[in-house]
C-alpha atoms as a PDB file:
ATOM      1  CA  MET A   1      44.516 184.952 279.919  1.00  0.00           C
ATOM      2  CA  VAL A   2      42.560 181.738 279.244  1.00  0.00           C
ATOM      3  CA  VAL A   3      43.351 182.044 275.519  1.00  0.00           C
ATOM      4  CA  VAL A   4      47.069 182.483 276.258  1.00  0.00           C
ATOM      5  CA  ILE A   5      47.147 179.490 278.607  1.00  0.00           C
ATOM      6  CA  ASN A   6      45.308 177.321 276.088  1.00  0.00           C
ATOM      7  CA  GLU A   7      47.685 178.335 273.300  1.00  0.00           C
ATOM      8  CA  LYS A   8      50.739 177.485 275.411  1.00  0.00           C
ATOM      9  CA  GLN A   9      49.189 174.162 276.416  1.00  0.00           C
ATOM     10  CA  LYS A  10      48.550 173.411 272.752  1.00  0.00           C
ATOM     11  CA  LEU A  11      52.181 174.176 271.900  1.00  0.00           C
ATOM     12  CA  ASP A  12      53.417 171.927 274.710  1.00  0.00           C
ATOM     13  CA  GLN A  13      51.225 169.087 273.437  1.00  0.00           C
ATOM     14  CA  ILE A  14      52.740 169.464 269.975  1.00  0.00           C
ATOM     15  CA  ALA A  15      56.235 169.504 271.498  1.00  0.00           C
ATOM     16  CA  GLU A  16      55.595 166.307 273.473  1.00  0.00           C
ATOM     17  CA  ASP A  17      55.054 164.424 270.191  1.00  0.00           C
ATOM     18  CA  SER A  18      57.178 166.458 267.808  1.00  0.00           C
ATOM     19  CA  TRP A  19      57.963 165.208 264.301  1.00  0.00           C
ATOM     20  CA  TYR A  20      60.070 168.212 263.307  1.00  0.00           C
ATOM     21  CA  ALA A  21      63.466 166.559 263.694  1.00  0.00           C
ATOM     22  CA  LYS A  22      62.506 163.137 262.327  1.00  0.00           C
ATOM     23  CA  GLY A  23      62.752 161.432 258.947  1.00  0.00           C
ATOM     24  CA  ALA A  24      62.182 163.391 255.755  1.00  0.00           C
ATOM     25  CA  ASN A  25      61.195 166.444 257.760  1.00  0.00           C
ATOM     26  CA  ALA A  26      64.654 166.615 259.326  1.00  0.00           C
ATOM     27  CA  GLU A  27      66.243 166.422 255.873  1.00  0.00           C
ATOM     28  CA  THR A  28      63.970 169.239 254.716  1.00  0.00           C
ATOM     29  CA  ILE A  29      65.086 171.446 257.613  1.00  0.00           C
ATOM     30  CA  LYS A  30      68.709 170.665 256.777  1.00  0.00           C
ATOM     31  CA  TYR A  31      68.210 171.827 253.190  1.00  0.00           C
ATOM     32  CA  SER A  32      66.235 174.841 254.391  1.00  0.00           C
ATOM     33  CA  ALA A  33      69.251 175.815 256.486  1.00  0.00           C
ATOM     34  CA  LYS A  34      71.420 175.477 253.381  1.00  0.00           C
ATOM     35  CA  ILE A  35      69.147 177.950 251.574  1.00  0.00           C
ATOM     36  CA  ILE A  36      69.033 180.379 254.505  1.00  0.00           C
ATOM     37  CA  SER A  37      72.808 180.321 254.978  1.00  0.00           C
ATOM     38  CA  ARG A  38      73.241 181.840 251.506  1.00  0.00           C
ATOM     39  CA  PHE A  39      71.776 185.063 252.851  1.00  0.00           C
ATOM     40  CA  LEU A  40      73.529 185.130 256.231  1.00  0.00           C
ATOM     41  CA  ARG A  41      76.653 186.967 257.265  1.00  0.00           C
ATOM     42  CA  LYS A  42      77.988 187.163 260.795  1.00  0.00           C
ATOM     43  CA  GLY A  43      75.532 189.080 262.938  1.00  0.00           C
ATOM     44  CA  ASP A  44      73.029 189.113 265.770  1.00  0.00           C
ATOM     45  CA  ILE A  45      70.305 186.530 265.130  1.00  0.00           C
ATOM     46  CA  LEU A  46      66.798 186.143 266.527  1.00  0.00           C
ATOM     47  CA  GLU A  47      65.156 182.813 265.720  1.00  0.00           C
ATOM     48  CA  LEU A  48      61.430 182.513 266.352  1.00  0.00           C
ATOM     49  CA  GLY A  49      59.932 179.048 266.774  1.00  0.00           C
ATOM     50  CA  PRO A  50      63.102 176.923 266.750  1.00  0.00           C
ATOM     51  CA  ALA A  51      61.333 173.884 268.304  1.00  0.00           C
ATOM     52  CA  GLU A  52      64.085 171.370 269.197  1.00  0.00           C
ATOM     53  CA  GLY A  53      66.687 173.612 267.598  1.00  0.00           C
ATOM     54  CA  LEU A  54      67.545 171.584 264.510  1.00  0.00           C
ATOM     55  CA  MET A  55      67.673 174.667 262.269  1.00  0.00           C
ATOM     56  CA  THR A  56      69.573 176.398 265.074  1.00  0.00           C
ATOM     57  CA  SER A  57      72.378 173.854 264.840  1.00  0.00           C
ATOM     58  CA  TYR A  58      73.077 174.948 261.260  1.00  0.00           C
ATOM     59  CA  ILE A  59      72.809 178.730 261.680  1.00  0.00           C
ATOM     60  CA  ASP A  60      74.500 179.030 265.102  1.00  0.00           C
ATOM     61  CA  LYS A  61      77.927 179.563 263.503  1.00  0.00           C
ATOM     62  CA  TYR A  62      76.706 182.815 261.913  1.00  0.00           C
ATOM     63  CA  ALA A  63      75.634 184.365 265.224  1.00  0.00           C
ATOM     64  CA  TYR A  64      77.576 186.939 267.202  1.00  0.00           C
ATOM     65  CA  SER A  65      74.644 186.695 269.590  1.00  0.00           C
ATOM     66  CA  LEU A  66      71.766 184.235 269.396  1.00  0.00           C
ATOM     67  CA  THR A  67      68.274 184.674 270.840  1.00  0.00           C
ATOM     68  CA  LEU A  68      65.788 181.792 270.622  1.00  0.00           C
ATOM     69  CA  VAL A  69      62.081 182.338 271.282  1.00  0.00           C
ATOM     70  CA  ASP A  70      59.518 179.549 271.492  1.00  0.00           C
ATOM     71  CA  GLY A  71      56.037 179.384 272.962  1.00  0.00           C
ATOM     72  CA  SER A  72      56.477 175.844 274.292  1.00  0.00           C
ATOM     73  CA  SER A  73      58.129 175.389 277.682  1.00  0.00           C
ATOM     74  CA  VAL A  74      59.016 171.842 276.600  1.00  0.00           C
ATOM     75  CA  PHE A  75      61.000 173.106 273.622  1.00  0.00           C
ATOM     76  CA  CYS A  76      62.551 175.913 275.684  1.00  0.00           C
ATOM     77  CA  ASP A  77      63.946 173.391 278.177  1.00  0.00           C
ATOM     78  CA  VAL A  78      65.508 171.459 275.288  1.00  0.00           C
ATOM     79  CA  LEU A  79      66.958 174.640 273.786  1.00  0.00           C
ATOM     80  CA  ARG A  80      68.558 175.735 277.064  1.00  0.00           C
ATOM     81  CA  ARG A  81      70.323 172.386 277.340  1.00  0.00           C
ATOM     82  CA  LYS A  82      71.469 172.315 273.711  1.00  0.00           C
ATOM     83  CA  TYR A  83      72.482 175.980 273.411  1.00  0.00           C
ATOM     84  CA  PRO A  84      73.680 177.242 276.813  1.00  0.00           C
ATOM     85  CA  HIS A  85      75.348 180.233 275.132  1.00  0.00           C
ATOM     86  CA  ALA A  86      72.039 181.427 273.640  1.00  0.00           C
ATOM     87  CA  LYS A  87      69.402 183.614 275.239  1.00  0.00           C
ATOM     88  CA  VAL A  88      66.262 181.441 275.372  1.00  0.00           C
ATOM     89  CA  ILE A  89      62.887 183.103 275.927  1.00  0.00           C
ATOM     90  CA  CYS A  90      59.648 181.190 276.424  1.00  0.00           C
ATOM     91  CA  SER A  91      56.947 183.463 275.046  1.00  0.00           C
ATOM     92  CA  LEU A  92      54.181 183.684 272.508  1.00  0.00           C
ATOM     93  CA  PHE A  93      55.385 185.871 269.659  1.00  0.00           C
ATOM     94  CA  GLU A  94      52.472 188.272 270.096  1.00  0.00           C
ATOM     95  CA  GLU A  95      53.668 189.035 273.638  1.00  0.00           C
ATOM     96  CA  LEU A  96      57.386 189.213 272.898  1.00  0.00           C
ATOM     97  CA  GLU A  97      59.226 192.363 273.971  1.00  0.00           C
ATOM     98  CA  LEU A  98      62.974 192.779 273.479  1.00  0.00           C
ATOM     99  CA  GLU A  99      65.420 195.633 273.932  1.00  0.00           C
ATOM    100  CA  GLU A 100      67.943 194.161 271.505  1.00  0.00           C
ATOM    101  CA  LYS A 101      67.979 194.759 267.751  1.00  0.00           C
ATOM    102  CA  TYR A 102      68.999 192.065 265.284  1.00  0.00           C
ATOM    103  CA  ASP A 103      70.625 191.717 261.880  1.00  0.00           C
ATOM    104  CA  TYR A 104      68.442 188.711 261.089  1.00  0.00           C
ATOM    105  CA  VAL A 105      65.071 187.488 262.301  1.00  0.00           C
ATOM    106  CA  LEU A 106      64.393 183.903 261.228  1.00  0.00           C
ATOM    107  CA  LEU A 107      60.921 182.393 260.995  1.00  0.00           C
ATOM    108  CA  GLY A 108      61.288 178.792 259.886  1.00  0.00           C
ATOM    109  CA  HIS A 109      57.782 177.330 259.607  1.00  0.00           C
ATOM    110  CA  VAL A 110      56.211 179.865 261.951  1.00  0.00           C
ATOM    111  CA  LEU A 111      53.647 181.890 260.015  1.00  0.00           C
ATOM    112  CA  GLU A 112      51.443 178.896 259.215  1.00  0.00           C
ATOM    113  CA  HIS A 113      51.049 178.297 262.978  1.00  0.00           C
ATOM    114  CA  VAL A 114      50.075 181.705 264.331  1.00  0.00           C
ATOM    115  CA  GLU A 115      46.566 183.122 264.553  1.00  0.00           C
ATOM    116  CA  ASN A 116      47.385 186.467 262.931  1.00  0.00           C
ATOM    117  CA  PRO A 117      50.549 186.300 260.811  1.00  0.00           C
ATOM    118  CA  ILE A 118      50.287 189.878 259.531  1.00  0.00           C
ATOM    119  CA  ALA A 119      50.117 191.191 263.099  1.00  0.00           C
ATOM    120  CA  ILE A 120      53.176 189.085 263.998  1.00  0.00           C
ATOM    121  CA  LEU A 121      55.109 190.441 261.023  1.00  0.00           C
ATOM    122  CA  MET A 122      54.233 193.995 262.023  1.00  0.00           C
ATOM    123  CA  HIS A 123      55.110 193.349 265.680  1.00  0.00           C
ATOM    124  CA  ILE A 124      58.597 191.981 265.001  1.00  0.00           C
ATOM    125  CA  LYS A 125      59.678 194.915 262.797  1.00  0.00           C
ATOM    126  CA  LYS A 126      60.921 196.713 265.891  1.00  0.00           C
ATOM    127  CA  PHE A 127      63.420 193.927 266.598  1.00  0.00           C
ATOM    128  CA  LEU A 128      65.307 194.574 263.348  1.00  0.00           C
ATOM    129  CA  LYS A 129      68.313 196.816 262.947  1.00  0.00           C
ATOM    130  CA  PRO A 130      67.858 199.502 260.246  1.00  0.00           C
ATOM    131  CA  ASP A 131      69.416 197.250 257.600  1.00  0.00           C
ATOM    132  CA  GLY A 132      68.168 193.999 259.148  1.00  0.00           C
ATOM    133  CA  LYS A 133      66.469 191.212 257.236  1.00  0.00           C
ATOM    134  CA  ILE A 134      63.610 188.831 257.924  1.00  0.00           C
ATOM    135  CA  ILE A 135      63.968 185.341 256.490  1.00  0.00           C
ATOM    136  CA  ALA A 136      60.759 183.289 256.506  1.00  0.00           C
ATOM    137  CA  VAL A 137      60.001 179.774 255.268  1.00  0.00           C
ATOM    138  CA  VAL A 138      56.568 178.129 254.973  1.00  0.00           C
ATOM    139  CA  PRO A 139      55.011 175.065 253.318  1.00  0.00           C
ATOM    140  CA  ASN A 140      53.475 175.723 249.891  1.00  0.00           C
ATOM    141  CA  SER A 141      49.904 174.646 249.114  1.00  0.00           C
ATOM    142  CA  HIS A 142      50.743 174.554 245.374  1.00  0.00           C
ATOM    143  CA  SER A 143      53.288 171.792 245.972  1.00  0.00           C
ATOM    144  CA  VAL A 144      53.102 168.941 243.462  1.00  0.00           C
ATOM    145  CA  HIS A 145      52.247 166.426 246.188  1.00  0.00           C
ATOM    146  CA  ARG A 146      49.274 168.526 247.350  1.00  0.00           C
ATOM    147  CA  GLN A 147      48.020 168.955 243.802  1.00  0.00           C
ATOM    148  CA  ALA A 148      48.217 165.183 243.364  1.00  0.00           C
ATOM    149  CA  ALA A 149      46.364 164.656 246.653  1.00  0.00           C
ATOM    150  CA  VAL A 150      43.469 166.787 245.359  1.00  0.00           C
ATOM    151  CA  LEU A 151      43.281 164.776 242.118  1.00  0.00           C
ATOM    152  CA  MET A 152      43.299 161.554 244.153  1.00  0.00           C
ATOM    153  CA  GLY A 153      40.520 162.783 246.427  1.00  0.00           C
ATOM    154  CA  LEU A 154      42.751 162.820 249.514  1.00  0.00           C
ATOM    155  CA  LEU A 155      42.409 166.601 249.946  1.00  0.00           C
ATOM    156  CA  GLU A 156      39.365 168.716 249.154  1.00  0.00           C
ATOM    157  CA  LYS A 157      41.601 171.539 247.923  1.00  0.00           C
ATOM    158  CA  GLU A 158      45.310 172.359 247.905  1.00  0.00           C
ATOM    159  CA  SER A 159      45.035 174.558 250.987  1.00  0.00           C
ATOM    160  CA  SER A 160      43.141 171.968 253.052  1.00  0.00           C
ATOM    161  CA  LEU A 161      44.914 170.808 256.199  1.00  0.00           C
ATOM    162  CA  ASN A 162      46.160 167.236 255.937  1.00  0.00           C
ATOM    163  CA  PRO A 163      46.824 164.983 258.970  1.00  0.00           C
ATOM    164  CA  THR A 164      50.448 166.156 259.195  1.00  0.00           C
ATOM    165  CA  ASP A 165      49.365 169.814 259.173  1.00  0.00           C
ATOM    166  CA  ILE A 166      46.901 169.109 261.968  1.00  0.00           C
ATOM    167  CA  HIS A 167      49.509 167.234 264.021  1.00  0.00           C
ATOM    168  CA  HIS A 168      51.922 170.163 263.741  1.00  0.00           C
ATOM    169  CA  GLY A 169      49.232 172.682 264.681  1.00  0.00           C
ATOM    170  CA  HIS A 170      49.098 174.493 261.345  1.00  0.00           C
ATOM    171  CA  ARG A 171      46.303 177.019 260.939  1.00  0.00           C
ATOM    172  CA  ARG A 172      46.818 177.555 257.207  1.00  0.00           C
ATOM    173  CA  VAL A 173      48.877 176.445 254.231  1.00  0.00           C
ATOM    174  CA  TYR A 174      50.285 179.342 252.246  1.00  0.00           C
ATOM    175  CA  ASN A 175      50.355 179.739 248.504  1.00  0.00           C
ATOM    176  CA  PRO A 176      52.963 182.039 246.918  1.00  0.00           C
ATOM    177  CA  ALA A 177      50.518 184.920 246.382  1.00  0.00           C
ATOM    178  CA  MET A 178      49.257 184.883 249.988  1.00  0.00           C
ATOM    179  CA  PHE A 179      52.812 184.657 251.318  1.00  0.00           C
ATOM    180  CA  ARG A 180      53.883 187.752 249.377  1.00  0.00           C
ATOM    181  CA  GLU A 181      50.671 189.594 250.239  1.00  0.00           C
ATOM    182  CA  HIS A 182      51.153 189.140 253.994  1.00  0.00           C
ATOM    183  CA  PHE A 183      54.645 190.643 253.853  1.00  0.00           C
ATOM    184  CA  LEU A 184      53.578 193.579 251.698  1.00  0.00           C
ATOM    185  CA  THR A 185      50.529 194.273 253.872  1.00  0.00           C
ATOM    186  CA  ALA A 186      52.772 194.264 256.961  1.00  0.00           C
ATOM    187  CA  GLY A 187      54.983 196.937 255.388  1.00  0.00           C
ATOM    188  CA  TYR A 188      57.961 194.959 254.115  1.00  0.00           C
ATOM    189  CA  GLN A 189      59.931 195.122 250.913  1.00  0.00           C
ATOM    190  CA  ILE A 190      60.517 191.660 249.466  1.00  0.00           C
ATOM    191  CA  GLU A 191      64.109 191.254 248.321  1.00  0.00           C
ATOM    192  CA  GLN A 192      63.809 187.661 247.203  1.00  0.00           C
ATOM    193  CA  PHE A 193      61.190 184.946 246.813  1.00  0.00           C
ATOM    194  CA  GLY A 194      62.173 181.354 246.162  1.00  0.00           C
ATOM    195  CA  GLY A 195      61.413 177.723 246.792  1.00  0.00           C
ATOM    196  CA  TYR A 196      62.969 174.287 247.119  1.00  0.00           C
ATOM    197  CA  TRP A 197      61.926 170.621 247.366  1.00  0.00           C
ATOM    198  CA  LEU A 198      59.973 169.403 244.325  1.00  0.00           C
ATOM    199  CA  LYS A 199      58.029 166.862 246.348  1.00  0.00           C
ATOM    200  CA  PRO A 200      55.902 164.372 244.371  1.00  0.00           C
ATOM    201  CA  VAL A 201      54.728 162.065 247.182  1.00  0.00           C
ATOM    202  CA  SER A 202      54.225 161.933 250.961  1.00  0.00           C
ATOM    203  CA  ASP A 203      56.936 161.874 253.624  1.00  0.00           C
ATOM    204  CA  LYS A 204      56.039 158.281 254.497  1.00  0.00           C
ATOM    205  CA  GLN A 205      56.549 157.093 250.915  1.00  0.00           C
ATOM    206  CA  ILE A 206      59.814 159.007 250.684  1.00  0.00           C
ATOM    207  CA  GLU A 207      61.149 157.555 253.936  1.00  0.00           C
ATOM    208  CA  GLN A 208      60.317 154.014 252.789  1.00  0.00           C
ATOM    209  CA  THR A 209      61.871 154.058 249.329  1.00  0.00           C
ATOM    210  CA  TRP A 210      64.043 157.094 248.582  1.00  0.00           C
ATOM    211  CA  THR A 211      67.830 157.338 248.731  1.00  0.00           C
ATOM    212  CA  GLN A 212      69.736 160.378 249.988  1.00  0.00           C
ATOM    213  CA  GLU A 213      70.757 161.116 246.395  1.00  0.00           C
ATOM    214  CA  MET A 214      67.110 161.227 245.319  1.00  0.00           C
ATOM    215  CA  LEU A 215      66.274 163.614 248.147  1.00  0.00           C
ATOM    216  CA  GLU A 216      69.106 165.963 247.217  1.00  0.00           C
ATOM    217  CA  ALA A 217      68.111 165.974 243.549  1.00  0.00           C
ATOM    218  CA  PHE A 218      64.474 166.819 244.278  1.00  0.00           C
ATOM    219  CA  PHE A 219      65.425 169.469 246.848  1.00  0.00           C
ATOM    220  CA  GLN A 220      67.459 171.170 244.126  1.00  0.00           C
ATOM    221  CA  LEU A 221      64.764 170.767 241.460  1.00  0.00           C
ATOM    222  CA  GLY A 222      62.398 172.747 243.650  1.00  0.00           C
ATOM    223  CA  GLU A 223      64.697 175.756 243.322  1.00  0.00           C
ATOM    224  CA  LEU A 224      64.018 175.735 239.572  1.00  0.00           C
ATOM    225  CA  TYR A 225      60.236 175.590 240.067  1.00  0.00           C
ATOM    226  CA  PRO A 226      59.493 177.586 243.239  1.00  0.00           C
ATOM    227  CA  ASP A 227      55.765 178.081 242.608  1.00  0.00           C
ATOM    228  CA  ILE A 228      55.162 174.316 242.836  1.00  0.00           C
ATOM    229  CA  ALA A 229      57.903 173.493 245.351  1.00  0.00           C
ATOM    230  CA  ALA A 230      56.937 172.053 248.735  1.00  0.00           C
ATOM    231  CA  GLU A 231      58.649 174.899 250.614  1.00  0.00           C
ATOM    232  CA  ILE A 232      58.789 178.601 249.773  1.00  0.00           C
ATOM    233  CA  TYR A 233      60.774 181.416 251.354  1.00  0.00           C
ATOM    234  CA  ILE A 234      60.967 185.196 251.454  1.00  0.00           C
ATOM    235  CA  ILE A 235      63.861 187.504 252.309  1.00  0.00           C
ATOM    236  CA  ALA A 236      62.499 190.917 253.313  1.00  0.00           C
ATOM    237  CA  THR A 237      63.446 194.272 254.791  1.00  0.00           C
ATOM    238  CA  VAL A 238      61.329 197.009 256.334  1.00  0.00           C
ATOM    239  CA  LYS A 239      60.241 199.681 253.842  1.00  0.00           C
END
C-alpha cells in the first residue's frame, strides 16, 4: 500500500508542474496524433495516461465510447472537466480492472514511465476485443539529438535520463530493439513499427529559433528514418 501511495503522489507531483502540453512537446503530441489517426477507425477507445488530454482532443472524434485512465488525481480532475462524455478512471495501470472491451488501446508515452512495462502489456491484453489493436508511442534513445548529446559529453550514453526525462518521471528511454522485444515478450504480434520527428537539437533551442514550417519538415523526415527519430511507435495485436 505504501508503494502505491508513493507512486500516486509522484504522479500528482508531475501533474502539478506538467510540461506535456507546452511548447515543442505540444507540437510533438499533435503530430503523434496525426500518425495514430492513420490507424484509427470509429470504435471503442481506451487511452492510458492521457495527462491533460491533449492527445485525447485529437482522437476523440474516432470514439464511439471513450475511457481515459490516469494514475494522477490532478490529471483526472482536468480530464473530467474537459471530457464530460468520457469515462474517467483514476488508477494505476497495474491495478486497472475493466469489464469493457476495446477496439483500440492507446499508450502515448506510457511505457517509459511504468516500473514493469512487460507486465503492463500483458495485463491490458484482456481489455482488447478479438481484433483490437494496441498503439504505443515512446521516446527513442537513438534519436539524433541524444546521439549528439553523448558526443558533446552532456549524456553518458544514449539511454541515460536527461533533465527532461527526470522531470517527466521516466524510468527508461527505449531503443527500437527494446521496444519490439517488450511487445514480443508480452505475446503480441507487431503489425507496424515506425517513427517520426528527426530532432537534431533540444526543445529549448527549437522553441527559441524554429518556425512551424521547420517543425513540420523535421517531423516528416523522421518518418523516413525511424531508427534515429525522436519518437517511435508500434501497432500490435494479440497473437
